[in-house]
């Protein structure tokens, strides 16, 4: 007899619907439409500067906000923790709000101290970090002032207004019992936002300007140039959506951070992929580039191979960008902000990591070397280690999300239906079909 519900469904051909995604497809499409519209305007009028790059991010974010509120009505979801029918007098929550503001402002002061202390935030060694600092410097006074009415207004509607910021404020002012777990969770969430938002803003102008300034006569007259231009555009999309995600961690949009990953190994695996901790950069321990070249070198003089490879690389980068678009307002490393099940996440649990690593392997072809067989062997081994890092990242993310029943349902569905897990299951002889045949016999 079949006792497993999944196998019973398969045996009876019962429907196995994919779990509902926390984000609708329309959110990402609205953001993409806004971004493409601005890019078209910017190309026509040659708006290629850093300010125009920020407008590109806004053009991506504003349509997503409107779609989320007007169409999806995310602000009315129970997961926001907001009850809009509450009419709590502001005097009843004022003490909570003031305590929360103290914790929030202390957090921001700590982040500002970190930004001001570490020199790489004021150099261009790992990207245009001075641009990020310029943006933060301009926004900080406005954010400080706006936080006062925002917190007081929102606390009147929150079901549980005493959050991590409140716990930190309580500890700082000594006005109540200390809740270490709430404080740590609050600081982890802001650490994620502070670290990654600065990085995203630092890389916003570069790729955007390169894409806008590209010469049509060169791009359209050379398949390799066209492929590289389209790849650049995919990264412009990815960075814009990611930047929006780190900015709009807000409860009224249901885009707040439910939890930041509490596992040290998850932080280690993620941070070594980003500056200043990156191990894969030039001269880093996992730098696989010495002694290698890229696809345009190996396939030079072979127009068909160049065209095919260019198409494959554009498609892989498009999948990578698609994986970020699917997040809508919620992209963020090391956090849980709702479970995605649509778009490329209906094919794989980690489509971005998979497509990114395939891109690197195909673009570099590490088994070929411009130097020696030893260089080729080193590059291949190191690229394998880079892939292992991303596999590690994936597993730490699954460990974090695995406590959520929604993720458990999604993961189980993916095992049964996801093309990528089923393919690897088939390779290992552990596919659901194989399991069913063994049990049935």
Protein backbone atom coordinates (compact mmCIF):
# COMPACT_ATOMS: atom_id res chain seq x y z
CA UNK A 1 0.00 0.00 0.00
CA UNK A 2 1.03 3.58 -0.58
CA UNK A 3 1.24 5.54 2.66
CA UNK A 4 3.01 8.67 1.45
CA UNK A 5 0.50 11.41 0.46
CA UNK A 6 2.70 12.60 -2.37
CA UNK A 7 2.99 9.10 -3.83
CA UNK A 8 -0.74 8.58 -3.38
CA UNK A 9 -1.38 11.72 -5.40
CA UNK A 10 0.98 10.53 -8.11
CA UNK A 11 -0.69 7.12 -8.23
CA UNK A 12 -4.15 8.62 -8.68
CA UNK A 13 -3.04 11.50 -10.91
CA UNK A 14 -4.51 13.92 -8.36
CA UNK A 15 -3.56 17.59 -8.84
CA UNK A 16 -0.54 18.82 -6.94
CA UNK A 17 -0.84 22.63 -7.00
CA UNK A 18 2.19 24.75 -6.28
CA UNK A 19 2.01 26.58 -2.92
CA UNK A 20 0.96 30.22 -3.20
CA UNK A 21 3.84 32.67 -3.49
CA UNK A 22 4.20 35.52 -1.01
CA UNK A 23 4.80 37.83 -3.99
CA UNK A 24 2.66 38.05 -7.12
CA UNK A 25 4.09 38.01 -10.61
CA UNK A 26 2.47 41.39 -11.27
CA UNK A 27 4.69 43.17 -8.74
CA UNK A 28 7.90 42.31 -10.53
CA UNK A 29 6.39 42.97 -13.95
CA UNK A 30 5.24 46.43 -12.82
CA UNK A 31 8.74 47.23 -11.60
CA UNK A 32 10.30 45.93 -14.80
CA UNK A 33 7.91 48.02 -16.93
CA UNK A 34 8.81 51.15 -14.97
CA UNK A 35 12.52 50.43 -15.27
CA UNK A 36 12.38 49.78 -19.01
CA UNK A 37 10.38 52.98 -19.53
CA UNK A 38 12.99 55.06 -17.74
CA UNK A 39 15.86 53.33 -19.52
CA UNK A 40 14.26 54.14 -22.89
CA UNK A 41 13.92 57.79 -21.87
CA UNK A 42 17.47 57.87 -20.52
CA UNK A 43 18.90 56.35 -23.70
CA UNK A 44 17.09 58.92 -25.82
CA UNK A 45 18.15 61.93 -23.76
CA UNK A 46 21.55 60.53 -22.72
CA UNK A 47 20.78 60.58 -18.98
CA UNK A 48 23.75 58.46 -17.92
CA UNK A 49 24.87 60.02 -14.61
CA UNK A 50 24.58 58.84 -11.03
CA UNK A 51 21.43 60.89 -10.38
CA UNK A 52 19.76 59.28 -13.38
CA UNK A 53 20.81 55.90 -12.01
CA UNK A 54 18.93 56.69 -8.79
CA UNK A 55 15.89 57.68 -10.85
CA UNK A 56 16.15 54.27 -12.50
CA UNK A 57 15.87 52.64 -9.06
CA UNK A 58 12.85 54.83 -8.24
CA UNK A 59 11.26 54.01 -11.61
CA UNK A 60 11.56 50.37 -10.64
CA UNK A 61 10.30 50.77 -7.07
CA UNK A 62 7.32 53.13 -7.37
CA UNK A 63 5.27 50.93 -9.75
CA UNK A 64 5.87 47.98 -7.46
CA UNK A 65 4.58 49.95 -4.47
CA UNK A 66 1.48 50.96 -6.40
CA UNK A 67 0.81 47.43 -7.64
CA UNK A 68 1.37 45.94 -4.17
CA UNK A 69 -1.07 48.35 -2.50
CA UNK A 70 -3.70 48.93 -5.19
CA UNK A 71 -3.83 45.49 -6.81
CA UNK A 72 -2.46 42.94 -4.34
CA UNK A 73 -3.54 44.97 -1.29
CA UNK A 74 -0.60 43.60 0.68
CA UNK A 75 -1.15 46.17 3.41
CA UNK A 76 -4.24 44.23 4.50
CA UNK A 77 -2.47 40.91 5.00
CA UNK A 78 -2.33 39.52 8.52
CA UNK A 79 1.40 38.93 8.05
CA UNK A 80 1.99 42.70 8.26
CA UNK A 81 1.07 42.61 11.94
CA UNK A 82 -1.15 45.66 11.32
CA UNK A 83 -4.81 45.99 12.22
CA UNK A 84 -6.07 49.03 10.34
CA UNK A 85 -9.32 49.03 12.29
CA UNK A 86 -7.52 49.81 15.54
CA UNK A 87 -8.20 53.30 16.85
CA UNK A 88 -5.67 53.35 19.68
CA UNK A 89 -5.20 56.91 21.00
CA UNK A 90 -1.67 58.10 20.33
CA UNK A 91 -1.20 58.89 24.02
CA UNK A 92 -1.62 55.19 24.85
CA UNK A 93 1.26 54.16 22.61
CA UNK A 94 3.47 57.25 22.90
CA UNK A 95 5.77 55.72 25.54
CA UNK A 96 6.27 52.68 23.31
CA UNK A 97 6.93 54.89 20.29
CA UNK A 98 9.49 57.05 22.09
CA UNK A 99 11.28 53.97 23.40
CA UNK A 100 11.26 52.48 19.92
CA UNK A 101 12.63 55.69 18.41
CA UNK A 102 15.45 55.65 20.97
CA UNK A 103 16.38 52.11 19.91
CA UNK A 104 16.04 52.94 16.22
CA UNK A 105 18.15 56.10 16.43
CA UNK A 106 20.80 54.29 18.46
CA UNK A 107 20.93 51.65 15.74
CA UNK A 108 21.36 54.28 13.06
CA UNK A 109 24.07 56.00 15.10
CA UNK A 110 25.95 52.71 15.34
CA UNK A 111 25.67 52.18 11.59
CA UNK A 112 26.92 55.73 10.95
CA UNK A 113 29.89 55.08 13.24
CA UNK A 114 30.76 51.95 11.28
CA UNK A 115 30.46 53.78 7.96
CA UNK A 116 32.65 56.60 9.25
CA UNK A 117 35.30 54.32 10.75
CA UNK A 118 36.05 51.82 7.99
CA UNK A 119 38.01 53.45 5.21
CA UNK A 120 36.79 51.25 2.37
CA UNK A 121 33.45 53.08 2.58
CA UNK A 122 35.25 56.24 1.48
CA UNK A 123 37.35 54.83 -1.36
CA UNK A 124 36.63 53.32 -4.76
CA UNK A 125 38.64 50.18 -4.06
CA UNK A 126 35.60 47.88 -4.11
CA UNK A 127 33.06 50.00 -5.95
CA UNK A 128 31.72 53.51 -5.71
CA UNK A 129 31.16 53.47 -1.96
CA UNK A 130 31.63 57.26 -1.67
CA UNK A 131 28.47 57.54 -3.76
CA UNK A 132 26.62 55.39 -1.20
CA UNK A 133 27.90 57.60 1.61
CA UNK A 134 26.78 60.71 -0.30
CA UNK A 135 23.28 59.27 -0.68
CA UNK A 136 23.09 58.30 2.99
CA UNK A 137 24.33 61.72 4.05
CA UNK A 138 21.58 63.43 2.07
CA UNK A 139 18.82 61.07 3.19
CA UNK A 140 19.75 60.80 6.89
CA UNK A 141 18.21 64.11 8.10
CA UNK A 142 14.98 63.42 6.22
CA UNK A 143 14.83 59.88 7.56
CA UNK A 144 15.41 61.10 11.10
CA UNK A 145 12.56 63.60 10.92
CA UNK A 146 10.16 61.29 9.07
CA UNK A 147 10.73 58.45 11.53
CA UNK A 148 8.94 60.37 14.30
CA UNK A 149 5.44 60.65 12.77
CA UNK A 150 5.85 57.27 11.03
CA UNK A 151 6.59 55.32 14.22
CA UNK A 152 3.92 57.15 16.26
CA UNK A 153 1.32 56.57 13.52
CA UNK A 154 2.21 52.90 12.92
CA UNK A 155 2.35 51.95 16.59
CA UNK A 156 -1.32 52.90 16.90
CA UNK A 157 -2.16 50.22 14.32
CA UNK A 158 0.29 47.45 15.20
CA UNK A 159 -1.06 44.38 16.94
CA UNK A 160 2.30 43.95 18.72
CA UNK A 161 4.12 47.32 18.71
CA UNK A 162 6.85 46.20 21.13
CA UNK A 163 9.41 44.96 18.59
CA UNK A 164 13.20 44.69 18.54
CA UNK A 165 13.76 48.43 18.31
CA UNK A 166 11.57 48.85 21.39
CA UNK A 167 13.53 46.12 23.21
CA UNK A 168 16.80 47.89 22.41
CA UNK A 169 15.38 51.23 23.56
CA UNK A 170 14.13 49.63 26.77
CA UNK A 171 17.60 48.27 27.49
CA UNK A 172 19.33 51.56 26.67
CA UNK A 173 17.01 53.58 28.91
CA UNK A 174 16.68 50.94 31.62
CA UNK A 175 12.92 51.20 31.65
CA UNK A 176 12.00 47.52 31.67
CA UNK A 177 13.14 43.90 31.44
CA UNK A 178 15.80 43.10 28.86
CA UNK A 179 14.91 40.82 25.94
CA UNK A 180 18.29 39.77 24.45
CA UNK A 181 16.78 37.66 21.64
CA UNK A 182 14.62 40.52 20.40
CA UNK A 183 17.60 42.88 20.50
CA UNK A 184 19.86 40.45 18.63
CA UNK A 185 17.16 39.86 15.99
CA UNK A 186 16.77 43.63 15.54
CA UNK A 187 20.51 44.19 15.19
CA UNK A 188 20.90 41.29 12.75
CA UNK A 189 18.19 42.71 10.52
CA UNK A 190 19.76 46.17 10.46
CA UNK A 191 23.23 44.69 9.94
CA UNK A 192 21.95 43.02 6.77
CA UNK A 193 20.38 46.23 5.54
CA UNK A 194 23.36 48.43 6.38
CA UNK A 195 25.95 46.15 4.79
CA UNK A 196 24.14 45.21 1.60
CA UNK A 197 22.36 48.51 0.87
CA UNK A 198 25.69 50.33 0.91
CA UNK A 199 27.08 47.77 -1.54
CA UNK A 200 24.07 47.91 -3.85
CA UNK A 201 24.08 51.70 -4.02
CA UNK A 202 27.82 51.61 -4.74
CA UNK A 203 27.28 49.54 -7.89
CA UNK A 204 24.11 51.28 -9.10
CA UNK A 205 25.77 54.05 -11.21
CA UNK A 206 28.48 51.96 -12.91
CA UNK A 207 26.47 49.36 -14.80
CA UNK A 208 23.64 51.79 -15.50
CA UNK A 209 25.97 54.36 -17.06
CA UNK A 210 27.77 51.73 -19.11
CA UNK A 211 24.47 50.47 -20.51
CA UNK A 212 23.08 53.93 -21.33
CA UNK A 213 26.31 55.15 -22.97
CA UNK A 214 26.73 52.12 -25.25
CA UNK A 215 27.14 52.97 -28.94
CA UNK A 216 24.32 51.50 -31.03
CA UNK A 217 26.56 51.14 -34.08
CA UNK A 218 28.97 48.96 -32.12
CA UNK A 219 26.34 46.98 -30.22
CA UNK A 220 24.20 46.12 -33.23
CA UNK A 221 27.14 45.44 -35.50
CA UNK A 222 28.94 42.93 -33.30
CA UNK A 223 27.27 39.82 -31.78
CA UNK A 224 29.78 39.74 -28.91
CA UNK A 225 29.21 43.41 -28.10
CA UNK A 226 25.45 42.83 -28.26
CA UNK A 227 25.68 39.90 -25.86
CA UNK A 228 27.80 41.89 -23.41
CA UNK A 229 25.42 44.86 -23.67
CA UNK A 230 22.41 42.66 -22.90
CA UNK A 231 24.27 41.02 -20.03
CA UNK A 232 24.99 44.49 -18.64
CA UNK A 233 21.28 45.30 -18.89
CA UNK A 234 20.39 42.15 -16.96
CA UNK A 235 22.68 43.27 -14.16
CA UNK A 236 21.18 46.78 -14.25
CA UNK A 237 17.80 45.16 -13.64
CA UNK A 238 19.15 42.93 -10.90
CA UNK A 239 20.84 45.77 -9.02
CA UNK A 240 17.81 48.08 -9.28
CA UNK A 241 15.42 45.46 -7.89
CA UNK A 242 17.87 44.47 -5.16
CA UNK A 243 18.39 48.10 -4.12
CA UNK A 244 14.63 48.63 -3.92
CA UNK A 245 14.35 45.51 -1.80
CA UNK A 246 16.85 46.73 0.78
CA UNK A 247 15.26 50.18 0.93
CA UNK A 248 11.62 49.14 1.34
CA UNK A 249 11.72 46.83 4.35
CA UNK A 250 8.37 48.20 5.57
CA UNK A 251 5.46 46.55 7.37
CA UNK A 252 2.69 48.44 5.54
CA UNK A 253 4.01 46.87 2.32
CA UNK A 254 4.29 43.44 3.97
CA UNK A 255 7.96 43.64 2.95
CA UNK A 256 9.42 43.75 6.46
CA UNK A 257 12.07 41.31 7.63
CA UNK A 258 10.43 38.40 9.43
CA UNK A 259 13.80 37.19 10.65
CA UNK A 260 17.47 37.56 9.79
CA UNK A 261 19.48 34.38 9.55
CA UNK A 262 20.75 33.56 13.07
CA UNK A 263 23.41 31.05 11.96
CA UNK A 264 27.05 32.18 11.92
CA UNK A 265 27.89 29.85 9.03
CA UNK A 266 25.20 31.55 6.91
CA UNK A 267 26.78 34.96 7.49
CA UNK A 268 30.23 33.56 6.74
CA UNK A 269 29.10 31.93 3.50
CA UNK A 270 27.34 35.12 2.34
CA UNK A 271 29.90 37.72 3.37
CA UNK A 272 32.84 36.00 1.68
CA UNK A 273 31.03 36.64 -1.60
CA UNK A 274 30.97 40.44 -1.12
CA UNK A 275 33.59 43.14 -0.57
CA UNK A 276 35.59 43.77 1.48
CA UNK A 277 35.49 40.10 2.54
CA UNK A 278 35.18 38.58 -0.92
CA UNK A 279 37.43 35.58 -1.54
CA UNK A 280 36.71 35.39 -5.29
CA UNK A 281 37.98 38.85 -6.25
CA UNK A 282 41.28 39.68 -7.88
CA UNK A 283 44.09 38.29 -5.78
CA UNK A 284 41.71 36.54 -3.39
CA UNK A 285 42.21 32.95 -2.20
CA UNK A 286 39.48 31.73 -4.57
CA UNK A 287 40.45 33.94 -7.53
CA UNK A 288 40.31 31.54 -10.48
CA UNK A 289 41.19 34.11 -13.17
CA UNK A 290 45.03 33.91 -13.36
CA UNK A 291 46.07 31.85 -16.34
CA UNK A 292 42.59 31.88 -17.88
CA UNK A 293 40.69 33.93 -20.44
CA UNK A 294 37.04 34.32 -21.40
CA UNK A 295 34.79 32.85 -24.06
CA UNK A 296 35.57 35.56 -26.61
CA UNK A 297 39.24 34.49 -26.54
CA UNK A 298 38.64 30.75 -26.85
CA UNK A 299 36.06 31.06 -29.63
CA UNK A 300 37.72 33.90 -31.56
CA UNK A 301 37.31 33.35 -35.29
CA UNK A 302 34.37 30.98 -34.72
CA UNK A 303 31.29 33.18 -35.28
CA UNK A 304 28.79 30.37 -34.78
CA UNK A 305 30.29 29.32 -31.44
CA UNK A 306 30.55 32.95 -30.38
CA UNK A 307 26.88 33.53 -31.21
CA UNK A 308 25.70 30.36 -29.46
CA UNK A 309 27.76 31.03 -26.36
CA UNK A 310 26.63 34.65 -26.26
CA UNK A 311 22.98 33.58 -26.39
CA UNK A 312 23.51 31.03 -23.60
CA UNK A 313 25.23 33.60 -21.38
CA UNK A 314 22.49 36.17 -21.98
CA UNK A 315 19.83 33.58 -21.11
CA UNK A 316 21.66 32.58 -17.92
CA UNK A 317 21.99 36.23 -16.88
CA UNK A 318 18.32 36.77 -17.69
CA UNK A 319 17.41 33.87 -15.38
CA UNK A 320 19.58 35.45 -12.69
CA UNK A 321 17.81 38.80 -13.14
CA UNK A 322 14.43 37.05 -13.26
CA UNK A 323 15.17 35.45 -9.91
CA UNK A 324 15.63 38.94 -8.43
CA UNK A 325 12.57 40.36 -10.22
CA UNK A 326 10.49 37.58 -8.65
CA UNK A 327 11.19 39.05 -5.20
CA UNK A 328 9.39 42.27 -6.10
CA UNK A 329 9.90 44.56 -3.10
CA UNK A 330 11.44 41.85 -0.94
CA UNK A 331 14.92 41.03 -2.19
CA UNK A 332 17.45 40.63 0.59
CA UNK A 333 20.29 38.33 1.55
CA UNK A 334 20.26 36.49 4.86
CA UNK A 335 16.62 37.24 5.66
CA UNK A 336 13.16 35.70 5.60
CA UNK A 337 10.63 38.09 4.03
CA UNK A 338 8.09 35.59 2.72
CA UNK A 339 8.41 32.41 0.65
CA UNK A 340 8.61 32.68 -3.15
CA UNK A 341 7.20 29.87 -5.25
CA UNK A 342 6.64 31.54 -8.63
CA UNK A 343 8.82 32.42 -11.61
CA UNK A 344 12.17 30.61 -11.63
CA UNK A 345 11.45 29.43 -8.08
CA UNK A 346 8.93 27.04 -9.60
CA UNK A 347 11.89 25.37 -11.30
CA UNK A 348 14.59 25.48 -8.63
CA UNK A 349 14.99 26.51 -5.00
CA UNK A 350 18.09 28.52 -5.91
CA UNK A 351 17.82 29.65 -9.54
CA UNK A 352 20.10 32.67 -9.04
CA UNK A 353 22.98 30.64 -7.62
CA UNK A 354 22.59 27.95 -10.27
CA UNK A 355 22.48 30.36 -13.22
CA UNK A 356 25.32 32.49 -11.84
CA UNK A 357 27.67 29.55 -11.44
CA UNK A 358 26.80 28.12 -14.85
CA UNK A 359 27.54 31.56 -16.31
CA UNK A 360 31.00 31.62 -14.73
CA UNK A 361 31.87 28.12 -15.93
CA UNK A 362 30.75 28.77 -19.51
CA UNK A 363 32.18 32.30 -19.70
CA UNK A 364 35.60 31.25 -18.38
CA UNK A 365 35.98 27.58 -19.40
CA UNK A 366 38.61 27.02 -16.67
CA UNK A 367 39.83 23.72 -18.10
CA UNK A 368 41.46 25.80 -20.87
CA UNK A 369 44.45 27.92 -19.94
CA UNK A 370 46.54 30.64 -21.52
CA UNK A 371 49.44 29.51 -19.37
CA UNK A 372 49.97 25.88 -18.41
CA UNK A 373 48.10 22.72 -17.49
CA UNK A 374 48.80 23.61 -13.86
CA UNK A 375 46.97 26.93 -14.33
CA UNK A 376 44.03 25.11 -15.89
CA UNK A 377 43.93 22.64 -13.00
CA UNK A 378 44.12 25.44 -10.43
CA UNK A 379 41.37 27.43 -12.14
CA UNK A 380 39.09 24.40 -12.37
CA UNK A 381 39.60 23.45 -8.73
CA UNK A 382 39.12 27.03 -7.54
CA UNK A 383 35.96 27.47 -9.58
CA UNK A 384 34.72 24.22 -8.09
CA UNK A 385 35.37 25.67 -4.64
CA UNK A 386 33.42 28.82 -5.60
CA UNK A 387 30.50 26.61 -6.62
CA UNK A 388 30.85 24.82 -3.28
CA UNK A 389 30.57 28.17 -1.46
CA UNK A 390 27.28 28.88 -3.21
CA UNK A 391 26.04 25.37 -2.42
CA UNK A 392 26.93 26.10 1.20
CA UNK A 393 25.04 29.39 1.04
CA UNK A 394 22.00 27.59 -0.34
CA UNK A 395 22.03 25.04 2.46
CA UNK A 396 22.36 27.69 5.17
CA UNK A 397 19.40 29.54 3.68
CA UNK A 398 17.34 26.35 3.66
CA UNK A 399 18.27 25.77 7.29
CA UNK A 400 17.01 29.24 8.18
CA UNK A 401 13.78 29.04 6.19
CA UNK A 402 13.13 25.40 7.07
CA UNK A 403 11.34 26.30 10.30
CA UNK A 404 8.57 28.01 8.31
CA UNK A 405 5.69 25.63 7.40
CA UNK A 406 5.23 27.57 4.15
CA UNK A 407 8.79 26.77 3.15
CA UNK A 408 8.38 23.15 4.18
CA UNK A 409 5.35 22.87 1.89
CA UNK A 410 7.20 24.59 -0.95
CA UNK A 411 10.30 22.44 -0.52
CA UNK A 412 8.25 19.25 -0.53
CA UNK A 413 6.39 20.40 -3.64
CA UNK A 414 9.69 21.26 -5.30
CA UNK A 415 11.02 17.76 -4.60
CA UNK A 416 7.96 16.30 -6.32
CA UNK A 417 7.61 18.73 -9.21
CA UNK A 418 10.62 21.02 -9.62
CA UNK A 419 12.48 20.28 -12.87
CA UNK A 420 15.93 20.96 -11.39
CA UNK A 421 15.53 18.85 -8.20
CA UNK A 422 13.90 16.07 -10.24
CA UNK A 423 16.79 16.15 -12.72
CA UNK A 424 19.38 15.80 -9.98
CA UNK A 425 17.20 13.20 -8.32
CA UNK A 426 17.13 11.26 -11.58
CA UNK A 427 20.91 11.47 -11.84
CA UNK A 428 21.26 10.07 -8.32
CA UNK A 429 18.49 7.49 -8.78
CA UNK A 430 16.35 9.17 -6.11
CA UNK A 431 13.61 10.71 -8.20
CA UNK A 432 10.02 10.57 -6.89
CA UNK A 433 9.12 8.27 -9.78
CA UNK A 434 11.86 5.86 -8.81
CA UNK A 435 10.76 5.94 -5.19
CA UNK A 436 7.17 5.24 -6.24
CA UNK A 437 8.20 2.28 -8.37
CA UNK A 438 10.21 0.78 -5.53
CA UNK A 439 7.37 1.15 -3.02
CA UNK A 440 4.70 -0.10 -5.45
CA UNK A 441 6.72 -3.23 -6.17
